[in-house]
PDB file of N, CA and C in Angstrom:
ATOM      1  N   MET A   1     108.046  96.366 123.182  1.00  0.00           N
ATOM      2  CA  MET A   1     107.712  97.189 122.026  1.00  0.00           C
ATOM      3  C   MET A   1     107.781  96.313 120.776  1.00  0.00           C
ATOM      4  N   PRO A   2     106.735  96.323 119.945  1.00  0.00           N
ATOM      5  CA  PRO A   2     106.756  95.489 118.743  1.00  0.00           C
ATOM      6  C   PRO A   2     107.780  95.982 117.731  1.00  0.00           C
ATOM      7  N   LYS A   3     108.376  95.022 117.039  1.00  0.00           N
ATOM      8  CA  LYS A   3     109.364  95.344 116.022  1.00  0.00           C
ATOM      9  C   LYS A   3     108.659  95.950 114.808  1.00  0.00           C
ATOM     10  N   LYS A   4     109.252  97.015 114.238  1.00  0.00           N
ATOM     11  CA  LYS A   4     108.674  97.666 113.066  1.00  0.00           C
ATOM     12  C   LYS A   4     108.758  96.719 111.868  1.00  0.00           C
ATOM     13  N   LYS A   5     107.661  96.625 111.133  1.00  0.00           N
ATOM     14  CA  LYS A   5     107.610  95.750 109.965  1.00  0.00           C
ATOM     15  C   LYS A   5     108.371  96.368 108.795  1.00  0.00           C
ATOM     16  N   THR A   6     108.931  95.514 107.963  1.00  0.00           N
ATOM     17  CA  THR A   6     109.538  95.973 106.727  1.00  0.00           C
ATOM     18  C   THR A   6     108.416  96.251 105.726  1.00  0.00           C
ATOM     19  N   PHE A   7     108.760  96.905 104.629  1.00  0.00           N
ATOM     20  CA  PHE A   7     107.786  97.177 103.580  1.00  0.00           C
ATOM     21  C   PHE A   7     107.167  95.871 103.092  1.00  0.00           C
ATOM     22  N   ALA A   8     107.998  94.876 102.838  1.00  0.00           N
ATOM     23  CA  ALA A   8     107.503  93.589 102.318  1.00  0.00           C
ATOM     24  C   ALA A   8     106.583  92.902 103.333  1.00  0.00           C
ATOM     25  N   GLN A   9     106.927  92.962 104.605  1.00  0.00           N
ATOM     26  CA  GLN A   9     106.083  92.360 105.636  1.00  0.00           C
ATOM     27  C   GLN A   9     104.733  93.077 105.716  1.00  0.00           C
ATOM     28  N   ALA A  10     104.773  94.417 105.671  1.00  0.00           N
ATOM     29  CA  ALA A  10     103.535  95.189 105.735  1.00  0.00           C
ATOM     30  C   ALA A  10     102.648  94.898 104.536  1.00  0.00           C
ATOM     31  N   LEU A  11     103.243  94.832 103.359  1.00  0.00           N
ATOM     32  CA  LEU A  11     102.485  94.541 102.150  1.00  0.00           C
ATOM     33  C   LEU A  11     101.871  93.139 102.212  1.00  0.00           C
ATOM     34  N   GLY A  12     102.640  92.187 102.703  1.00  0.00           N
ATOM     35  CA  GLY A  12     102.128  90.824 102.862  1.00  0.00           C
ATOM     36  C   GLY A  12     100.962  90.769 103.833  1.00  0.00           C
ATOM     37  N   ARG A  13     101.080  91.514 104.938  1.00  0.00           N
ATOM     38  CA  ARG A  13      99.998  91.539 105.917  1.00  0.00           C
ATOM     39  C   ARG A  13      98.758  92.215 105.323  1.00  0.00           C
ATOM     40  N   LEU A  14      98.947  93.253 104.517  1.00  0.00           N
ATOM     41  CA  LEU A  14      97.807  93.893 103.849  1.00  0.00           C
ATOM     42  C   LEU A  14      97.075  92.902 102.946  1.00  0.00           C
ATOM     43  N   GLU A  15      97.817  92.046 102.275  1.00  0.00           N
ATOM     44  CA  GLU A  15      97.193  91.021 101.431  1.00  0.00           C
ATOM     45  C   GLU A  15      96.388  90.032 102.277  1.00  0.00           C
ATOM     46  N   GLU A  16      96.932  89.663 103.440  1.00  0.00           N
ATOM     47  CA  GLU A  16      96.216  88.757 104.343  1.00  0.00           C
ATOM     48  C   GLU A  16      94.924  89.410 104.837  1.00  0.00           C
ATOM     49  N   ILE A  17      95.015  90.679 105.195  1.00  0.00           N
ATOM     50  CA  ILE A  17      93.839  91.402 105.688  1.00  0.00           C
ATOM     51  C   ILE A  17      92.782  91.481 104.601  1.00  0.00           C
ATOM     52  N   SER A  18      93.201  91.747 103.388  1.00  0.00           N
ATOM     53  CA  SER A  18      92.260  91.832 102.268  1.00  0.00           C
ATOM     54  C   SER A  18      91.485  90.529 102.123  1.00  0.00           C
ATOM     55  N   SER A  19      92.180  89.422 102.210  1.00  0.00           N
ATOM     56  CA  SER A  19      91.520  88.113 102.102  1.00  0.00           C
ATOM     57  C   SER A  19      90.565  87.884 103.267  1.00  0.00           C
ATOM     58  N   ALA A  20      90.981  88.275 104.460  1.00  0.00           N
ATOM     59  CA  ALA A  20      90.142  88.064 105.640  1.00  0.00           C
ATOM     60  C   ALA A  20      88.867  88.900 105.567  1.00  0.00           C
ATOM     61  N   VAL A  21      88.983  90.134 105.107  1.00  0.00           N
ATOM     62  CA  VAL A  21      87.813  91.006 105.024  1.00  0.00           C
ATOM     63  C   VAL A  21      86.847  90.511 103.949  1.00  0.00           C
ATOM     64  N   GLU A  22      87.370  89.925 102.889  1.00  0.00           N
ATOM     65  CA  GLU A  22      86.520  89.384 101.834  1.00  0.00           C
ATOM     66  C   GLU A  22      85.782  88.126 102.278  1.00  0.00           C
ATOM     67  N   ASP A  23      86.294  87.461 103.311  1.00  0.00           N
ATOM     68  CA  ASP A  23      85.675  86.243 103.825  1.00  0.00           C
ATOM     69  C   ASP A  23      84.382  86.611 104.555  1.00  0.00           C
ATOM     70  N   THR A  24      83.297  86.057 104.128  1.00  0.00           N
ATOM     71  CA  THR A  24      82.000  86.385 104.727  1.00  0.00           C
ATOM     72  C   THR A  24      81.877  85.905 106.171  1.00  0.00           C
ATOM     73  N   LYS A  25      82.796  85.063 106.624  1.00  0.00           N
ATOM     74  CA  LYS A  25      82.748  84.574 107.998  1.00  0.00           C
ATOM     75  C   LYS A  25      83.410  85.535 108.984  1.00  0.00           C
ATOM     76  N   THR A  26      84.093  86.565 108.482  1.00  0.00           N
ATOM     77  CA  THR A  26      84.746  87.541 109.357  1.00  0.00           C
ATOM     78  C   THR A  26      83.677  88.469 109.915  1.00  0.00           C
ATOM     79  N   SER A  27      83.644  88.595 111.243  1.00  0.00           N
ATOM     80  CA  SER A  27      82.623  89.425 111.879  1.00  0.00           C
ATOM     81  C   SER A  27      82.866  90.910 111.596  1.00  0.00           C
ATOM     82  N   LEU A  28      81.847  91.702 111.813  1.00  0.00           N
ATOM     83  CA  LEU A  28      81.958  93.141 111.627  1.00  0.00           C
ATOM     84  C   LEU A  28      83.016  93.720 112.562  1.00  0.00           C
ATOM     85  N   GLU A  29      83.026  93.277 113.801  1.00  0.00           N
ATOM     86  CA  GLU A  29      83.999  93.765 114.776  1.00  0.00           C
ATOM     87  C   GLU A  29      85.426  93.453 114.338  1.00  0.00           C
ATOM     88  N   ASP A  30      85.638  92.212 113.878  1.00  0.00           N
ATOM     89  CA  ASP A  30      86.963  91.830 113.396  1.00  0.00           C
ATOM     90  C   ASP A  30      87.332  92.600 112.136  1.00  0.00           C
ATOM     91  N   SER A  31      86.359  92.815 111.265  1.00  0.00           N
ATOM     92  CA  SER A  31      86.622  93.586 110.045  1.00  0.00           C
ATOM     93  C   SER A  31      87.066  95.005 110.386  1.00  0.00           C
ATOM     94  N   LEU A  32      86.436  95.604 111.392  1.00  0.00           N
ATOM     95  CA  LEU A  32      86.822  96.960 111.811  1.00  0.00           C
ATOM     96  C   LEU A  32      88.242  96.981 112.387  1.00  0.00           C
ATOM     97  N   LYS A  33      88.582  95.972 113.181  1.00  0.00           N
ATOM     98  CA  LYS A  33      89.947  95.876 113.714  1.00  0.00           C
ATOM     99  C   LYS A  33      90.956  95.729 112.572  1.00  0.00           C
ATOM    100  N   LEU A  34      90.611  94.898 111.606  1.00  0.00           N
ATOM    101  CA  LEU A  34      91.498  94.690 110.461  1.00  0.00           C
ATOM    102  C   LEU A  34      91.621  95.968 109.627  1.00  0.00           C
ATOM    103  N   TYR A  35      90.527  96.701 109.510  1.00  0.00           N
ATOM    104  CA  TYR A  35      90.562  97.965 108.767  1.00  0.00           C
ATOM    105  C   TYR A  35      91.518  98.946 109.434  1.00  0.00           C
ATOM    106  N   LYS A  36      91.450  99.033 110.766  1.00  0.00           N
ATOM    107  CA  LYS A  36      92.360  99.921 111.504  1.00  0.00           C
ATOM    108  C   LYS A  36      93.814  99.501 111.292  1.00  0.00           C
ATOM    109  N   GLU A  37      94.067  98.204 111.395  1.00  0.00           N
ATOM    110  CA  GLU A  37      95.426  97.697 111.181  1.00  0.00           C
ATOM    111  C   GLU A  37      95.888  98.006 109.757  1.00  0.00           C
ATOM    112  N   SER A  38      94.991  97.846 108.791  1.00  0.00           N
ATOM    113  CA  SER A  38      95.382  98.092 107.401  1.00  0.00           C
ATOM    114  C   SER A  38      95.703  99.565 107.171  1.00  0.00           C
ATOM    115  N   ALA A  39      95.003 100.471 107.852  1.00  0.00           N
ATOM    116  CA  ALA A  39      95.295 101.896 107.720  1.00  0.00           C
ATOM    117  C   ALA A  39      96.699 102.199 108.234  1.00  0.00           C
ATOM    118  N   GLU A  40      97.068 101.580 109.336  1.00  0.00           N
ATOM    119  CA  GLU A  40      98.413 101.766 109.889  1.00  0.00           C
ATOM    120  C   GLU A  40      99.477 101.182 108.950  1.00  0.00           C
ATOM    121  N   LEU A  41      99.204 100.017 108.392  1.00  0.00           N
ATOM    122  CA  LEU A  41     100.142  99.388 107.461  1.00  0.00           C
ATOM    123  C   LEU A  41     100.272 100.198 106.177  1.00  0.00           C
ATOM    124  N   PHE A  42      99.149 100.742 105.710  1.00  0.00           N
ATOM    125  CA  PHE A  42      99.186 101.586 104.524  1.00  0.00           C
ATOM    126  C   PHE A  42     100.075 102.809 104.767  1.00  0.00           C
ATOM    127  N   ALA A  43      99.939 103.415 105.934  1.00  0.00           N
ATOM    128  CA  ALA A  43     100.768 104.579 106.270  1.00  0.00           C
ATOM    129  C   ALA A  43     102.250 104.203 106.294  1.00  0.00           C
ATOM    130  N   LEU A  44     102.568 103.036 106.842  1.00  0.00           N
ATOM    131  CA  LEU A  44     103.953 102.572 106.866  1.00  0.00           C
ATOM    132  C   LEU A  44     104.474 102.358 105.447  1.00  0.00           C
ATOM    133  N   CYS A  45     103.682 101.719 104.597  1.00  0.00           N
ATOM    134  CA  CYS A  45     104.098 101.473 103.205  1.00  0.00           C
ATOM    135  C   CYS A  45     104.267 102.789 102.459  1.00  0.00           C
ATOM    136  N   ASN A  46     103.347 103.712 102.659  1.00  0.00           N
ATOM    137  CA  ASN A  46     103.415 105.008 101.993  1.00  0.00           C
ATOM    138  C   ASN A  46     104.673 105.768 102.417  1.00  0.00           C
ATOM    139  N   ALA A  47     104.993 105.744 103.714  1.00  0.00           N
ATOM    140  CA  ALA A  47     106.197 106.412 104.206  1.00  0.00           C
ATOM    141  C   ALA A  47     107.453 105.766 103.612  1.00  0.00           C
ATOM    142  N   SER A  48     107.456 104.451 103.511  1.00  0.00           N
ATOM    143  CA  SER A  48     108.599 103.747 102.929  1.00  0.00           C
ATOM    144  C   SER A  48     108.796 104.124 101.465  1.00  0.00           C
ATOM    145  N   LEU A  49     107.704 104.188 100.725  1.00  0.00           N
ATOM    146  CA  LEU A  49     107.795 104.573  99.309  1.00  0.00           C
ATOM    147  C   LEU A  49     108.251 106.021  99.153  1.00  0.00           C
ATOM    148  N   ASN A  50     107.752 106.909 100.001  1.00  0.00           N
ATOM    149  CA  ASN A  50     108.182 108.315  99.944  1.00  0.00           C
ATOM    150  C   ASN A  50     109.664 108.443 100.254  1.00  0.00           C
ATOM    151  N   ALA A  51     110.153 107.679 101.243  1.00  0.00           N
ATOM    152  CA  ALA A  51     111.568 107.711 101.583  1.00  0.00           C
ATOM    153  C   ALA A  51     112.421 107.186 100.435  1.00  0.00           C
ATOM    154  N   ALA A  52     111.960 106.130  99.783  1.00  0.00           N
ATOM    155  CA  ALA A  52     112.697 105.577  98.644  1.00  0.00           C
ATOM    156  C   ALA A  52     112.743 106.583  97.497  1.00  0.00           C
ATOM    157  N   GLU A  53     111.623 107.244  97.248  1.00  0.00           N
ATOM    158  CA  GLU A  53     111.578 108.247  96.184  1.00  0.00           C
ATOM    159  C   GLU A  53     112.542 109.399  96.478  1.00  0.00           C
ATOM    160  N   ALA A  54     112.587 109.828  97.738  1.00  0.00           N
ATOM    161  CA  ALA A  54     113.506 110.902  98.120  1.00  0.00           C
ATOM    162  C   ALA A  54     114.958 110.465  97.947  1.00  0.00           C
ATOM    163  N   GLU A  55     115.259 109.233  98.302  1.00  0.00           N
ATOM    164  CA  GLU A  55     116.618 108.709  98.142  1.00  0.00           C
ATOM    165  C   GLU A  55     117.002 108.647  96.665  1.00  0.00           C
ATOM    166  N   ILE A  56     116.068 108.236  95.823  1.00  0.00           N
ATOM    167  CA  ILE A  56     116.336 108.181  94.387  1.00  0.00           C
ATOM    168  C   ILE A  56     116.591 109.582  93.850  1.00  0.00           C
ATOM    169  N   ALA A  57     115.831 110.560  94.331  1.00  0.00           N
ATOM    170  CA  ALA A  57     116.037 111.944  93.889  1.00  0.00           C
ATOM    171  C   ALA A  57     117.427 112.422  94.258  1.00  0.00           C
ATOM    172  N   VAL A  58     117.903 112.065  95.446  1.00  0.00           N
ATOM    173  CA  VAL A  58     119.251 112.451  95.867  1.00  0.00           C
ATOM    174  C   VAL A  58     120.289 111.795  94.967  1.00  0.00           C
ATOM    175  N   ILE A  59     120.093 110.532  94.662  1.00  0.00           N
ATOM    176  CA  ILE A  59     121.024 109.815  93.788  1.00  0.00           C
ATOM    177  C   ILE A  59     121.028 110.452  92.402  1.00  0.00           C
ATOM    178  N   ARG A  60     119.840 110.759  91.888  1.00  0.00           N
ATOM    179  CA  ARG A  60     119.750 111.372  90.558  1.00  0.00           C
ATOM    180  C   ARG A  60     120.370 112.768  90.579  1.00  0.00           C
ATOM    181  N   ARG A  61     120.197 113.505  91.676  1.00  0.00           N
ATOM    182  CA  ARG A  61     120.777 114.834  91.787  1.00  0.00           C
ATOM    183  C   ARG A  61     122.299 114.730  91.800  1.00  0.00           C
ATOM    184  N   ALA A  62     122.824 113.794  92.559  1.00  0.00           N
ATOM    185  CA  ALA A  62     124.276 113.645  92.661  1.00  0.00           C
ATOM    186  C   ALA A  62     124.886 113.292  91.312  1.00  0.00           C
ATOM    187  N   ARG A  63     124.196 112.505  90.537  1.00  0.00           N
ATOM    188  CA  ARG A  63     124.716 112.058  89.244  1.00  0.00           C
ATOM    189  C   ARG A  63     124.690 113.171  88.198  1.00  0.00           C
ATOM    190  N   SER A  64     123.615 113.936  88.147  1.00  0.00           N
ATOM    191  CA  SER A  64     123.467 114.924  87.079  1.00  0.00           C
ATOM    192  C   SER A  64     123.759 116.349  87.533  1.00  0.00           C
ATOM    193  N   GLY A  65     123.830 116.580  88.837  1.00  0.00           N
ATOM    194  CA  GLY A  65     124.046 117.920  89.340  1.00  0.00           C
ATOM    195  C   GLY A  65     122.767 118.658  89.642  1.00  0.00           C
ATOM    196  N   GLU A  66     121.649 118.168  89.149  1.00  0.00           N
ATOM    197  CA  GLU A  66     120.355 118.756  89.478  1.00  0.00           C
ATOM    198  C   GLU A  66     119.303 117.655  89.518  1.00  0.00           C
ATOM    199  N   VAL A  67     118.262 117.902  90.287  1.00  0.00           N
ATOM    200  CA  VAL A  67     117.209 116.903  90.428  1.00  0.00           C
ATOM    201  C   VAL A  67     116.441 116.799  89.126  1.00  0.00           C
ATOM    202  N   GLU A  68     116.282 115.587  88.645  1.00  0.00           N
ATOM    203  CA  GLU A  68     115.516 115.335  87.433  1.00  0.00           C
ATOM    204  C   GLU A  68     114.087 114.999  87.850  1.00  0.00           C
ATOM    205  N   LYS A  69     113.129 115.713  87.340  1.00  0.00           N
ATOM    206  CA  LYS A  69     111.719 115.460  87.651  1.00  0.00           C
ATOM    207  C   LYS A  69     111.127 114.523  86.621  1.00  0.00           C
ATOM    208  N   GLY A  70     110.027 113.875  86.985  1.00  0.00           N
ATOM    209  CA  GLY A  70     109.337 113.008  86.055  1.00  0.00           C
ATOM    210  C   GLY A  70     109.396 111.563  86.508  1.00  0.00           C
ATOM    211  N   PRO A  71     108.846 110.683  85.703  1.00  0.00           N
ATOM    212  CA  PRO A  71     108.816 109.266  86.083  1.00  0.00           C
ATOM    213  C   PRO A  71     110.221 108.677  86.119  1.00  0.00           C
ATOM    214  N   PHE A  72     110.359 107.678  86.992  1.00  0.00           N
ATOM    215  CA  PHE A  72     111.643 107.024  87.099  1.00  0.00           C
ATOM    216  C   PHE A  72     111.887 106.171  85.862  1.00  0.00           C
ATOM    217  N   ASN A  73     113.082 106.241  85.324  1.00  0.00           N
ATOM    218  CA  ASN A  73     113.447 105.449  84.157  1.00  0.00           C
ATOM    219  C   ASN A  73     114.087 104.163  84.653  1.00  0.00           C
ATOM    220  N   THR A  74     113.404 103.055  84.520  1.00  0.00           N
ATOM    221  CA  THR A  74     113.915 101.780  85.038  1.00  0.00           C
ATOM    222  C   THR A  74     115.016 101.209  84.155  1.00  0.00           C
ATOM    223  N   HIS A  75     115.203 101.761  82.955  1.00  0.00           N
ATOM    224  CA  HIS A  75     116.239 101.247  82.059  1.00  0.00           C
ATOM    225  C   HIS A  75     117.555 101.978  82.232  1.00  0.00           C
ATOM    226  N   GLU A  76     117.542 103.056  82.998  1.00  0.00           N
ATOM    227  CA  GLU A  76     118.741 103.848  83.215  1.00  0.00           C
ATOM    228  C   GLU A  76     119.640 103.164  84.233  1.00  0.00           C
ATOM    229  N   VAL A  77     120.935 103.122  84.002  1.00  0.00           N
ATOM    230  CA  VAL A  77     121.875 102.496  84.927  1.00  0.00           C
ATOM    231  C   VAL A  77     122.813 103.526  85.476  1.00  0.00           C
TER     232      VAL A  77
END
């Protein structure tokens, strides 16, 4: 069973795929395979970001007593 990629690994692989698809020497068949792989990697990255957002909401809820909605304040400690 293949090891699950980390967010950083998935993002790095997406960058590699982007470069490969832009290369005019990549065949249509290979481009389609890369597109499928990129869709799976995108789903993994999206799930990771959603999980991080949920964790931040829990942390913010614990600190203030209620969930704070809106953009994350990167200057808040």
